[in-house]
Amino acid sequence: MDTRSIETIQRNRRITWGGGLSIGIGLIGLPLVLFGVWPGLDHSPWNANTLVLALGVALCTVSYILGRISVAAVTHNRVAPPTRRPFVVAGVAFAVAVLCLLITLAS
């Protein structure tokens, strides 16, 4: 049995889903980062501004992870898939977002 066709289907799936989700999530996360750091937008309380920024960073990091997976699939793993660091960044940013949401709701 030839297993190359199975690998090709999985590779095509990684390219399609990784690339599509990377672009979609990035288009959601990038404006949140820009809203979080834009000097003209004032969010009160300040925790809401940090929440928007942390959520945007988390989404952009997830977008980077998915994009890196699809690029690794396109290049036949000549470009390494993401290491553990992007997952840690996304987890910390999401934890900051949840913490800020809890602080905002409590005050």
PDB file of N, CA and C in Angstrom:
ATOM      1  N   MET A   1       0.847  -1.185   0.000  1.00  0.00           N
ATOM      2  CA  MET A   1       0.000   0.000   0.000  1.00  0.00           C
ATOM      3  C   MET A   1       0.888   1.242   0.000  1.00  0.00           C
ATOM      4  N   ASP A   2       0.544   2.178  -0.811  1.00  0.00           N
ATOM      5  CA  ASP A   2       1.316   3.412  -0.921  1.00  0.00           C
ATOM      6  C   ASP A   2       0.807   4.432   0.096  1.00  0.00           C
ATOM      7  N   THR A   3       1.691   4.860   1.015  1.00  0.00           N
ATOM      8  CA  THR A   3       1.266   5.788   2.076  1.00  0.00           C
ATOM      9  C   THR A   3       1.490   7.243   1.706  1.00  0.00           C
ATOM     10  N   ARG A   4       2.094   7.492   0.547  1.00  0.00           N
ATOM     11  CA  ARG A   4       2.323   8.887   0.173  1.00  0.00           C
ATOM     12  C   ARG A   4       1.024   9.652  -0.028  1.00  0.00           C
ATOM     13  N   SER A   5      -0.004   8.993  -0.521  1.00  0.00           N
ATOM     14  CA  SER A   5      -1.274   9.682  -0.747  1.00  0.00           C
ATOM     15  C   SER A   5      -1.911  10.094   0.575  1.00  0.00           C
ATOM     16  N   ILE A   6      -1.760   9.247   1.613  1.00  0.00           N
ATOM     17  CA  ILE A   6      -2.294   9.601   2.928  1.00  0.00           C
ATOM     18  C   ILE A   6      -1.543  10.803   3.491  1.00  0.00           C
ATOM     19  N   GLU A   7      -0.223  10.786   3.367  1.00  0.00           N
ATOM     20  CA  GLU A   7       0.563  11.924   3.858  1.00  0.00           C
ATOM     21  C   GLU A   7       0.218  13.188   3.091  1.00  0.00           C
ATOM     22  N   THR A   8      -0.038  13.059   1.810  1.00  0.00           N
ATOM     23  CA  THR A   8      -0.382  14.222   1.001  1.00  0.00           C
ATOM     24  C   THR A   8      -1.722  14.805   1.438  1.00  0.00           C
ATOM     25  N   ILE A   9      -2.688  13.945   1.758  1.00  0.00           N
ATOM     26  CA  ILE A   9      -3.984  14.437   2.206  1.00  0.00           C
ATOM     27  C   ILE A   9      -3.830  15.176   3.538  1.00  0.00           C
ATOM     28  N   GLN A  10      -3.074  14.614   4.468  1.00  0.00           N
ATOM     29  CA  GLN A  10      -2.865  15.290   5.747  1.00  0.00           C
ATOM     30  C   GLN A  10      -2.090  16.588   5.556  1.00  0.00           C
ATOM     31  N   ARG A  11      -1.116  16.568   4.665  1.00  0.00           N
ATOM     32  CA  ARG A  11      -0.339  17.780   4.401  1.00  0.00           C
ATOM     33  C   ARG A  11      -1.221  18.855   3.790  1.00  0.00           C
ATOM     34  N   ASN A  12      -2.059  18.476   2.836  1.00  0.00           N
ATOM     35  CA  ASN A  12      -2.975  19.441   2.226  1.00  0.00           C
ATOM     36  C   ASN A  12      -3.948  19.990   3.253  1.00  0.00           C
ATOM     37  N   ARG A  13      -4.391  19.151   4.167  1.00  0.00           N
ATOM     38  CA  ARG A  13      -5.296  19.595   5.221  1.00  0.00           C
ATOM     39  C   ARG A  13      -4.597  20.602   6.142  1.00  0.00           C
ATOM     40  N   ARG A  14      -3.339  20.336   6.482  1.00  0.00           N
ATOM     41  CA  ARG A  14      -2.587  21.294   7.317  1.00  0.00           C
ATOM     42  C   ARG A  14      -2.391  22.620   6.604  1.00  0.00           C
ATOM     43  N   ILE A  15      -2.132  22.555   5.307  1.00  0.00           N
ATOM     44  CA  ILE A  15      -1.959  23.791   4.534  1.00  0.00           C
ATOM     45  C   ILE A  15      -3.256  24.581   4.499  1.00  0.00           C
ATOM     46  N   THR A  16      -4.363  23.921   4.173  1.00  0.00           N
ATOM     47  CA  THR A  16      -5.643  24.607   4.014  1.00  0.00           C
ATOM     48  C   THR A  16      -6.154  25.164   5.340  1.00  0.00           C
ATOM     49  N   TRP A  17      -6.269  24.294   6.337  1.00  0.00           N
ATOM     50  CA  TRP A  17      -6.813  24.739   7.624  1.00  0.00           C
ATOM     51  C   TRP A  17      -5.856  25.667   8.351  1.00  0.00           C
ATOM     52  N   GLY A  18      -4.564  25.361   8.324  1.00  0.00           N
ATOM     53  CA  GLY A  18      -3.589  26.228   8.994  1.00  0.00           C
ATOM     54  C   GLY A  18      -3.556  27.616   8.385  1.00  0.00           C
ATOM     55  N   GLY A  19      -3.509  27.687   7.069  1.00  0.00           N
ATOM     56  CA  GLY A  19      -3.467  28.988   6.410  1.00  0.00           C
ATOM     57  C   GLY A  19      -4.757  29.776   6.580  1.00  0.00           C
ATOM     58  N   GLY A  20      -5.884  29.109   6.400  1.00  0.00           N
ATOM     59  CA  GLY A  20      -7.173  29.800   6.531  1.00  0.00           C
ATOM     60  C   GLY A  20      -7.436  30.302   7.936  1.00  0.00           C
ATOM     61  N   LEU A  21      -7.202  29.442   8.921  1.00  0.00           N
ATOM     62  CA  LEU A  21      -7.416  29.874  10.306  1.00  0.00           C
ATOM     63  C   LEU A  21      -6.395  30.922  10.735  1.00  0.00           C
ATOM     64  N   SER A  22      -5.177  30.809  10.234  1.00  0.00           N
ATOM     65  CA  SER A  22      -4.160  31.800  10.568  1.00  0.00           C
ATOM     66  C   SER A  22      -4.572  33.195  10.092  1.00  0.00           C
ATOM     67  N   ILE A  23      -5.045  33.282   8.866  1.00  0.00           N
ATOM     68  CA  ILE A  23      -5.469  34.579   8.329  1.00  0.00           C
ATOM     69  C   ILE A  23      -6.711  35.076   9.064  1.00  0.00           C
ATOM     70  N   GLY A  24      -7.682  34.194   9.283  1.00  0.00           N
ATOM     71  CA  GLY A  24      -8.922  34.598   9.951  1.00  0.00           C
ATOM     72  C   GLY A  24      -8.702  35.070  11.378  1.00  0.00           C
ATOM     73  N   ILE A  25      -7.941  34.304  12.146  1.00  0.00           N
ATOM     74  CA  ILE A  25      -7.692  34.682  13.542  1.00  0.00           C
ATOM     75  C   ILE A  25      -6.798  35.912  13.608  1.00  0.00           C
ATOM     76  N   GLY A  26      -5.853  36.016  12.678  1.00  0.00           N
ATOM     77  CA  GLY A  26      -5.000  37.206  12.644  1.00  0.00           C
ATOM     78  C   GLY A  26      -5.777  38.473  12.340  1.00  0.00           C
ATOM     79  N   LEU A  27      -6.793  38.361  11.479  1.00  0.00           N
ATOM     80  CA  LEU A  27      -7.623  39.523  11.174  1.00  0.00           C
ATOM     81  C   LEU A  27      -8.502  39.943  12.359  1.00  0.00           C
ATOM     82  N   ILE A  28      -8.725  39.053  13.290  1.00  0.00           N
ATOM     83  CA  ILE A  28      -9.437  39.410  14.518  1.00  0.00           C
ATOM     84  C   ILE A  28      -8.473  39.961  15.561  1.00  0.00           C
ATOM     85  N   GLY A  29      -7.310  39.318  15.707  1.00  0.00           N
ATOM     86  CA  GLY A  29      -6.368  39.688  16.767  1.00  0.00           C
ATOM     87  C   GLY A  29      -5.616  40.980  16.521  1.00  0.00           C
ATOM     88  N   LEU A  30      -5.227  41.246  15.282  1.00  0.00           N
ATOM     89  CA  LEU A  30      -4.430  42.440  15.001  1.00  0.00           C
ATOM     90  C   LEU A  30      -5.173  43.739  15.316  1.00  0.00           C
ATOM     91  N   PRO A  31      -6.449  43.893  14.941  1.00  0.00           N
ATOM     92  CA  PRO A  31      -7.146  45.117  15.351  1.00  0.00           C
ATOM     93  C   PRO A  31      -7.273  45.253  16.874  1.00  0.00           C
ATOM     94  N   LEU A  32      -7.401  44.133  17.580  1.00  0.00           N
ATOM     95  CA  LEU A  32      -7.468  44.214  19.040  1.00  0.00           C
ATOM     96  C   LEU A  32      -6.160  44.734  19.621  1.00  0.00           C
ATOM     97  N   VAL A  33      -5.032  44.292  19.063  1.00  0.00           N
ATOM     98  CA  VAL A  33      -3.735  44.810  19.523  1.00  0.00           C
ATOM     99  C   VAL A  33      -3.644  46.304  19.226  1.00  0.00           C
ATOM    100  N   LEU A  34      -4.056  46.694  18.025  1.00  0.00           N
ATOM    101  CA  LEU A  34      -3.992  48.116  17.671  1.00  0.00           C
ATOM    102  C   LEU A  34      -4.917  48.950  18.552  1.00  0.00           C
ATOM    103  N   PHE A  35      -6.116  48.445  18.866  1.00  0.00           N
ATOM    104  CA  PHE A  35      -7.012  49.162  19.773  1.00  0.00           C
ATOM    105  C   PHE A  35      -6.424  49.249  21.168  1.00  0.00           C
ATOM    106  N   GLY A  36      -5.704  48.221  21.591  1.00  0.00           N
ATOM    107  CA  GLY A  36      -5.123  48.208  22.931  1.00  0.00           C
ATOM    108  C   GLY A  36      -3.994  49.204  23.103  1.00  0.00           C
ATOM    109  N   VAL A  37      -3.246  49.483  22.040  1.00  0.00           N
ATOM    110  CA  VAL A  37      -2.098  50.386  22.160  1.00  0.00           C
ATOM    111  C   VAL A  37      -2.326  51.742  21.504  1.00  0.00           C
ATOM    112  N   TRP A  38      -3.452  51.939  20.833  1.00  0.00           N
ATOM    113  CA  TRP A  38      -3.710  53.207  20.143  1.00  0.00           C
ATOM    114  C   TRP A  38      -3.907  54.310  21.174  1.00  0.00           C
ATOM    115  N   PRO A  39      -3.153  55.411  21.071  1.00  0.00           N
ATOM    116  CA  PRO A  39      -3.240  56.451  22.105  1.00  0.00           C
ATOM    117  C   PRO A  39      -4.564  57.209  22.127  1.00  0.00           C
ATOM    118  N   GLY A  40      -5.286  57.264  21.027  1.00  0.00           N
ATOM    119  CA  GLY A  40      -6.523  58.034  20.992  1.00  0.00           C
ATOM    120  C   GLY A  40      -7.713  57.321  21.600  1.00  0.00           C
ATOM    121  N   LEU A  41      -7.652  56.007  21.733  1.00  0.00           N
ATOM    122  CA  LEU A  41      -8.765  55.252  22.295  1.00  0.00           C
ATOM    123  C   LEU A  41      -8.580  55.109  23.795  1.00  0.00           C
ATOM    124  N   ASP A  42      -9.565  55.527  24.534  1.00  0.00           N
ATOM    125  CA  ASP A  42      -9.497  55.441  25.993  1.00  0.00           C
ATOM    126  C   ASP A  42     -10.525  54.435  26.468  1.00  0.00           C
ATOM    127  N   HIS A  43     -10.041  53.369  27.059  1.00  0.00           N
ATOM    128  CA  HIS A  43     -10.922  52.366  27.634  1.00  0.00           C
ATOM    129  C   HIS A  43     -10.883  52.541  29.145  1.00  0.00           C
ATOM    130  N   SER A  44     -12.021  52.654  29.752  1.00  0.00           N
ATOM    131  CA  SER A  44     -11.992  52.728  31.196  1.00  0.00           C
ATOM    132  C   SER A  44     -12.843  51.605  31.742  1.00  0.00           C
ATOM    133  N   PRO A  45     -12.415  50.964  32.768  1.00  0.00           N
ATOM    134  CA  PRO A  45     -11.166  51.158  33.500  1.00  0.00           C
ATOM    135  C   PRO A  45      -9.966  50.656  32.697  1.00  0.00           C
ATOM    136  N   TRP A  46      -8.777  50.917  33.218  1.00  0.00           N
ATOM    137  CA  TRP A  46      -7.565  50.558  32.479  1.00  0.00           C
ATOM    138  C   TRP A  46      -7.462  49.057  32.285  1.00  0.00           C
ATOM    139  N   ASN A  47      -8.114  48.281  33.129  1.00  0.00           N
ATOM    140  CA  ASN A  47      -8.076  46.825  32.983  1.00  0.00           C
ATOM    141  C   ASN A  47      -8.695  46.395  31.656  1.00  0.00           C
ATOM    142  N   ALA A  48      -9.685  47.120  31.192  1.00  0.00           N
ATOM    143  CA  ALA A  48     -10.316  46.781  29.919  1.00  0.00           C
ATOM    144  C   ALA A  48      -9.328  46.967  28.767  1.00  0.00           C
ATOM    145  N   ASN A  49      -8.494  47.991  28.848  1.00  0.00           N
ATOM    146  CA  ASN A  49      -7.478  48.216  27.826  1.00  0.00           C
ATOM    147  C   ASN A  49      -6.471  47.069  27.832  1.00  0.00           C
ATOM    148  N   THR A  50      -6.060  46.642  29.017  1.00  0.00           N
ATOM    149  CA  THR A  50      -5.131  45.521  29.122  1.00  0.00           C
ATOM    150  C   THR A  50      -5.783  44.237  28.640  1.00  0.00           C
ATOM    151  N   LEU A  51      -7.062  44.083  28.909  1.00  0.00           N
ATOM    152  CA  LEU A  51      -7.804  42.907  28.445  1.00  0.00           C
ATOM    153  C   LEU A  51      -7.826  42.851  26.922  1.00  0.00           C
ATOM    154  N   VAL A  52      -8.106  43.969  26.295  1.00  0.00           N
ATOM    155  CA  VAL A  52      -8.153  44.012  24.831  1.00  0.00           C
ATOM    156  C   VAL A  52      -6.774  43.703  24.250  1.00  0.00           C
ATOM    157  N   LEU A  53      -5.729  44.280  24.840  1.00  0.00           N
ATOM    158  CA  LEU A  53      -4.371  44.044  24.356  1.00  0.00           C
ATOM    159  C   LEU A  53      -3.965  42.587  24.545  1.00  0.00           C
ATOM    160  N   ALA A  54      -4.226  42.024  25.720  1.00  0.00           N
ATOM    161  CA  ALA A  54      -3.825  40.643  25.980  1.00  0.00           C
ATOM    162  C   ALA A  54      -4.585  39.671  25.086  1.00  0.00           C
ATOM    163  N   LEU A  55      -5.856  39.906  24.883  1.00  0.00           N
ATOM    164  CA  LEU A  55      -6.631  39.039  24.007  1.00  0.00           C
ATOM    165  C   LEU A  55      -6.137  39.143  22.563  1.00  0.00           C
ATOM    166  N   GLY A  56      -5.784  40.351  22.134  1.00  0.00           N
ATOM    167  CA  GLY A  56      -5.239  40.530  20.789  1.00  0.00           C
ATOM    168  C   GLY A  56      -3.900  39.834  20.618  1.00  0.00           C
ATOM    169  N   VAL A  57      -3.038  39.918  21.639  1.00  0.00           N
ATOM    170  CA  VAL A  57      -1.743  39.233  21.577  1.00  0.00           C
ATOM    171  C   VAL A  57      -1.942  37.725  21.540  1.00  0.00           C
ATOM    172  N   ALA A  58      -2.879  37.221  22.345  1.00  0.00           N
ATOM    173  CA  ALA A  58      -3.142  35.782  22.347  1.00  0.00           C
ATOM    174  C   ALA A  58      -3.638  35.315  20.979  1.00  0.00           C
ATOM    175  N   LEU A  59      -4.558  36.058  20.370  1.00  0.00           N
ATOM    176  CA  LEU A  59      -5.069  35.667  19.061  1.00  0.00           C
ATOM    177  C   LEU A  59      -4.002  35.771  17.975  1.00  0.00           C
ATOM    178  N   CYS A  60      -3.165  36.815  18.042  1.00  0.00           N
ATOM    179  CA  CYS A  60      -2.090  36.942  17.053  1.00  0.00           C
ATOM    180  C   CYS A  60      -1.066  35.822  17.202  1.00  0.00           C
ATOM    181  N   THR A  61      -0.820  35.392  18.441  1.00  0.00           N
ATOM    182  CA  THR A  61       0.121  34.295  18.652  1.00  0.00           C
ATOM    183  C   THR A  61      -0.448  32.986  18.121  1.00  0.00           C
ATOM    184  N   VAL A  62      -1.736  32.749  18.338  1.00  0.00           N
ATOM    185  CA  VAL A  62      -2.376  31.558  17.776  1.00  0.00           C
ATOM    186  C   VAL A  62      -2.339  31.618  16.245  1.00  0.00           C
ATOM    187  N   SER A  63      -2.536  32.800  15.692  1.00  0.00           N
ATOM    188  CA  SER A  63      -2.453  32.983  14.246  1.00  0.00           C
ATOM    189  C   SER A  63      -1.044  32.656  13.746  1.00  0.00           C
ATOM    190  N   TYR A  64      -0.020  33.088  14.482  1.00  0.00           N
ATOM    191  CA  TYR A  64       1.364  32.777  14.119  1.00  0.00           C
ATOM    192  C   TYR A  64       1.620  31.271  14.151  1.00  0.00           C
ATOM    193  N   ILE A  65       1.099  30.603  15.187  1.00  0.00           N
ATOM    194  CA  ILE A  65       1.295  29.160  15.310  1.00  0.00           C
ATOM    195  C   ILE A  65       0.679  28.440  14.110  1.00  0.00           C
ATOM    196  N   LEU A  66      -0.559  28.785  13.782  1.00  0.00           N
ATOM    197  CA  LEU A  66      -1.231  28.137  12.661  1.00  0.00           C
ATOM    198  C   LEU A  66      -0.548  28.453  11.330  1.00  0.00           C
ATOM    199  N   GLY A  67      -0.081  29.680  11.173  1.00  0.00           N
ATOM    200  CA  GLY A  67       0.643  30.047   9.956  1.00  0.00           C
ATOM    201  C   GLY A  67       1.946  29.296   9.831  1.00  0.00           C
ATOM    202  N   ARG A  68       2.637  29.130  10.947  1.00  0.00           N
ATOM    203  CA  ARG A  68       3.905  28.395  10.934  1.00  0.00           C
ATOM    204  C   ARG A  68       3.675  26.921  10.596  1.00  0.00           C
ATOM    205  N   ILE A  69       2.565  26.359  11.087  1.00  0.00           N
ATOM    206  CA  ILE A  69       2.237  24.966  10.752  1.00  0.00           C
ATOM    207  C   ILE A  69       1.979  24.825   9.259  1.00  0.00           C
ATOM    208  N   SER A  70       1.234  25.776   8.686  1.00  0.00           N
ATOM    209  CA  SER A  70       0.940  25.677   7.251  1.00  0.00           C
ATOM    210  C   SER A  70       2.191  25.914   6.408  1.00  0.00           C
ATOM    211  N   VAL A  71       3.072  26.812   6.836  1.00  0.00           N
ATOM    212  CA  VAL A  71       4.322  27.040   6.102  1.00  0.00           C
ATOM    213  C   VAL A  71       5.211  25.806   6.173  1.00  0.00           C
ATOM    214  N   ALA A  72       5.248  25.151   7.339  1.00  0.00           N
ATOM    215  CA  ALA A  72       6.030  23.918   7.458  1.00  0.00           C
ATOM    216  C   ALA A  72       5.474  22.837   6.543  1.00  0.00           C
ATOM    217  N   ALA A  73       4.153  22.785   6.389  1.00  0.00           N
ATOM    218  CA  ALA A  73       3.553  21.790   5.497  1.00  0.00           C
ATOM    219  C   ALA A  73       3.850  22.116   4.040  1.00  0.00           C
ATOM    220  N   VAL A  74       3.822  23.394   3.673  1.00  0.00           N
ATOM    221  CA  VAL A  74       4.093  23.784   2.290  1.00  0.00           C
ATOM    222  C   VAL A  74       5.537  23.467   1.918  1.00  0.00           C
ATOM    223  N   THR A  75       6.465  23.709   2.831  1.00  0.00           N
ATOM    224  CA  THR A  75       7.890  23.532   2.536  1.00  0.00           C
ATOM    225  C   THR A  75       8.388  22.130   2.869  1.00  0.00           C
ATOM    226  N   HIS A  76       7.471  21.205   3.124  1.00  0.00           N
ATOM    227  CA  HIS A  76       7.837  19.826   3.461  1.00  0.00           C
ATOM    228  C   HIS A  76       8.755  19.776   4.679  1.00  0.00           C
ATOM    229  N   ASN A  77       8.446  20.564   5.705  1.00  0.00           N
ATOM    230  CA  ASN A  77       9.158  20.626   6.984  1.00  0.00           C
ATOM    231  C   ASN A  77      10.595  21.118   6.852  1.00  0.00           C
ATOM    232  N   ARG A  78      10.921  21.823   5.750  1.00  0.00           N
ATOM    233  CA  ARG A  78      12.221  22.492   5.694  1.00  0.00           C
ATOM    234  C   ARG A  78      12.225  23.696   6.633  1.00  0.00           C
ATOM    235  N   VAL A  79      11.056  24.287   6.853  1.00  0.00           N
ATOM    236  CA  VAL A  79      10.868  25.298   7.888  1.00  0.00           C
ATOM    237  C   VAL A  79      10.284  24.572   9.082  1.00  0.00           C
ATOM    238  N   ALA A  80      10.906  24.727  10.237  1.00  0.00           N
ATOM    239  CA  ALA A  80      10.497  23.959  11.408  1.00  0.00           C
ATOM    240  C   ALA A  80       9.113  24.388  11.882  1.00  0.00           C
ATOM    241  N   PRO A  81       8.308  23.428  12.331  1.00  0.00           N
ATOM    242  CA  PRO A  81       7.034  23.785  12.955  1.00  0.00           C
ATOM    243  C   PRO A  81       7.296  24.583  14.235  1.00  0.00           C
ATOM    244  N   PRO A  82       6.283  25.230  14.799  1.00  0.00           N
ATOM    245  CA  PRO A  82       6.509  26.062  15.979  1.00  0.00           C
ATOM    246  C   PRO A  82       6.985  25.240  17.174  1.00  0.00           C
ATOM    247  N   THR A  83       7.840  25.869  17.962  1.00  0.00           N
ATOM    248  CA  THR A  83       8.319  25.225  19.179  1.00  0.00           C
ATOM    249  C   THR A  83       7.339  25.513  20.304  1.00  0.00           C
ATOM    250  N   ARG A  84       7.750  25.307  21.532  1.00  0.00           N
ATOM    251  CA  ARG A  84       6.865  25.489  22.683  1.00  0.00           C
ATOM    252  C   ARG A  84       6.641  26.972  23.009  1.00  0.00           C
ATOM    253  N   ARG A  85       7.569  27.845  22.666  1.00  0.00           N
ATOM    254  CA  ARG A  85       7.495  29.258  23.055  1.00  0.00           C
ATOM    255  C   ARG A  85       6.215  29.972  22.609  1.00  0.00           C
ATOM    256  N   PRO A  86       5.738  29.842  21.349  1.00  0.00           N
ATOM    257  CA  PRO A  86       4.483  30.519  20.988  1.00  0.00           C
ATOM    258  C   PRO A  86       3.287  30.052  21.803  1.00  0.00           C
ATOM    259  N   PHE A  87       3.264  28.769  22.147  1.00  0.00           N
ATOM    260  CA  PHE A  87       2.164  28.270  22.967  1.00  0.00           C
ATOM    261  C   PHE A  87       2.199  28.889  24.357  1.00  0.00           C
ATOM    262  N   VAL A  88       3.397  29.087  24.912  1.00  0.00           N
ATOM    263  CA  VAL A  88       3.536  29.721  26.228  1.00  0.00           C
ATOM    264  C   VAL A  88       3.097  31.179  26.162  1.00  0.00           C
ATOM    265  N   VAL A  89       3.488  31.886  25.094  1.00  0.00           N
ATOM    266  CA  VAL A  89       3.082  33.289  24.933  1.00  0.00           C
ATOM    267  C   VAL A  89       1.570  33.402  24.833  1.00  0.00           C
ATOM    268  N   ALA A  90       0.943  32.533  24.051  1.00  0.00           N
ATOM    269  CA  ALA A  90      -0.517  32.568  23.920  1.00  0.00           C
ATOM    270  C   ALA A  90      -1.186  32.245  25.246  1.00  0.00           C
ATOM    271  N   GLY A  91      -0.658  31.277  25.980  1.00  0.00           N
ATOM    272  CA  GLY A  91      -1.239  30.920  27.276  1.00  0.00           C
ATOM    273  C   GLY A  91      -1.124  32.028  28.296  1.00  0.00           C
ATOM    274  N   VAL A  92       0.037  32.680  28.353  1.00  0.00           N
ATOM    275  CA  VAL A  92       0.233  33.788  29.304  1.00  0.00           C
ATOM    276  C   VAL A  92      -0.656  34.971  28.929  1.00  0.00           C
ATOM    277  N   ALA A  93      -0.731  35.288  27.647  1.00  0.00           N
ATOM    278  CA  ALA A  93      -1.584  36.403  27.225  1.00  0.00           C
ATOM    279  C   ALA A  93      -3.053  36.110  27.518  1.00  0.00           C
ATOM    280  N   PHE A  94      -3.476  34.875  27.327  1.00  0.00           N
ATOM    281  CA  PHE A  94      -4.864  34.529  27.631  1.00  0.00           C
ATOM    282  C   PHE A  94      -5.113  34.582  29.139  1.00  0.00           C
ATOM    283  N   ALA A  95      -4.128  34.162  29.936  1.00  0.00           N
ATOM    284  CA  ALA A  95      -4.270  34.246  31.395  1.00  0.00           C
ATOM    285  C   ALA A  95      -4.372  35.697  31.851  1.00  0.00           C
ATOM    286  N   VAL A  96      -3.587  36.590  31.238  1.00  0.00           N
ATOM    287  CA  VAL A  96      -3.672  38.014  31.563  1.00  0.00           C
ATOM    288  C   VAL A  96      -5.049  38.552  31.183  1.00  0.00           C
ATOM    289  N   ALA A  97      -5.568  38.129  30.036  1.00  0.00           N
ATOM    290  CA  ALA A  97      -6.898  38.586  29.608  1.00  0.00           C
ATOM    291  C   ALA A  97      -7.975  38.138  30.594  1.00  0.00           C
ATOM    292  N   VAL A  98      -7.912  36.896  31.041  1.00  0.00           N
ATOM    293  CA  VAL A  98      -8.905  36.400  31.996  1.00  0.00           C
ATOM    294  C   VAL A  98      -8.767  37.114  33.329  1.00  0.00           C
ATOM    295  N   LEU A  99      -7.537  37.332  33.786  1.00  0.00           N
ATOM    296  CA  LEU A  99      -7.312  38.043  35.045  1.00  0.00           C
ATOM    297  C   LEU A  99      -7.851  39.463  34.978  1.00  0.00           C
ATOM    298  N   CYS A 100      -7.592  40.156  33.864  1.00  0.00           N
ATOM    299  CA  CYS A 100      -8.100  41.521  33.710  1.00  0.00           C
ATOM    300  C   CYS A 100      -9.623  41.538  33.642  1.00  0.00           C
ATOM    301  N   LEU A 101     -10.215  40.543  33.014  1.00  0.00           N
ATOM    302  CA  LEU A 101     -11.670  40.458  32.954  1.00  0.00           C
ATOM    303  C   LEU A 101     -12.242  40.262  34.357  1.00  0.00           C
ATOM    304  N   LEU A 102     -11.629  39.409  35.146  1.00  0.00           N
ATOM    305  CA  LEU A 102     -12.099  39.200  36.510  1.00  0.00           C
ATOM    306  C   LEU A 102     -11.967  40.463  37.362  1.00  0.00           C
ATOM    307  N   ILE A 103     -10.836  41.179  37.211  1.00  0.00           N
ATOM    308  CA  ILE A 103     -10.629  42.419  37.965  1.00  0.00           C
ATOM    309  C   ILE A 103     -11.636  43.475  37.527  1.00  0.00           C
ATOM    310  N   THR A 104     -11.882  43.557  36.229  1.00  0.00           N
ATOM    311  CA  THR A 104     -12.842  44.539  35.714  1.00  0.00           C
ATOM    312  C   THR A 104     -14.258  44.243  36.204  1.00  0.00           C
ATOM    313  N   LEU A 105     -14.638  42.980  36.195  1.00  0.00           N
ATOM    314  CA  LEU A 105     -15.971  42.621  36.663  1.00  0.00           C
ATOM    315  C   LEU A 105     -16.131  42.803  38.177  1.00  0.00           C
ATOM    316  N   ALA A 106     -15.037  42.636  38.920  1.00  0.00           N
ATOM    317  CA  ALA A 106     -15.103  42.778  40.372  1.00  0.00           C
ATOM    318  C   ALA A 106     -15.184  44.251  40.801  1.00  0.00           C
ATOM    319  N   SER A 107     -14.683  45.163  39.976  1.00  0.00           N
ATOM    320  CA  SER A 107     -14.694  46.574  40.367  1.00  0.00           C
ATOM    321  C   SER A 107     -15.850  47.330  39.770  1.00  0.00           C
TER     322      SER A 107
END
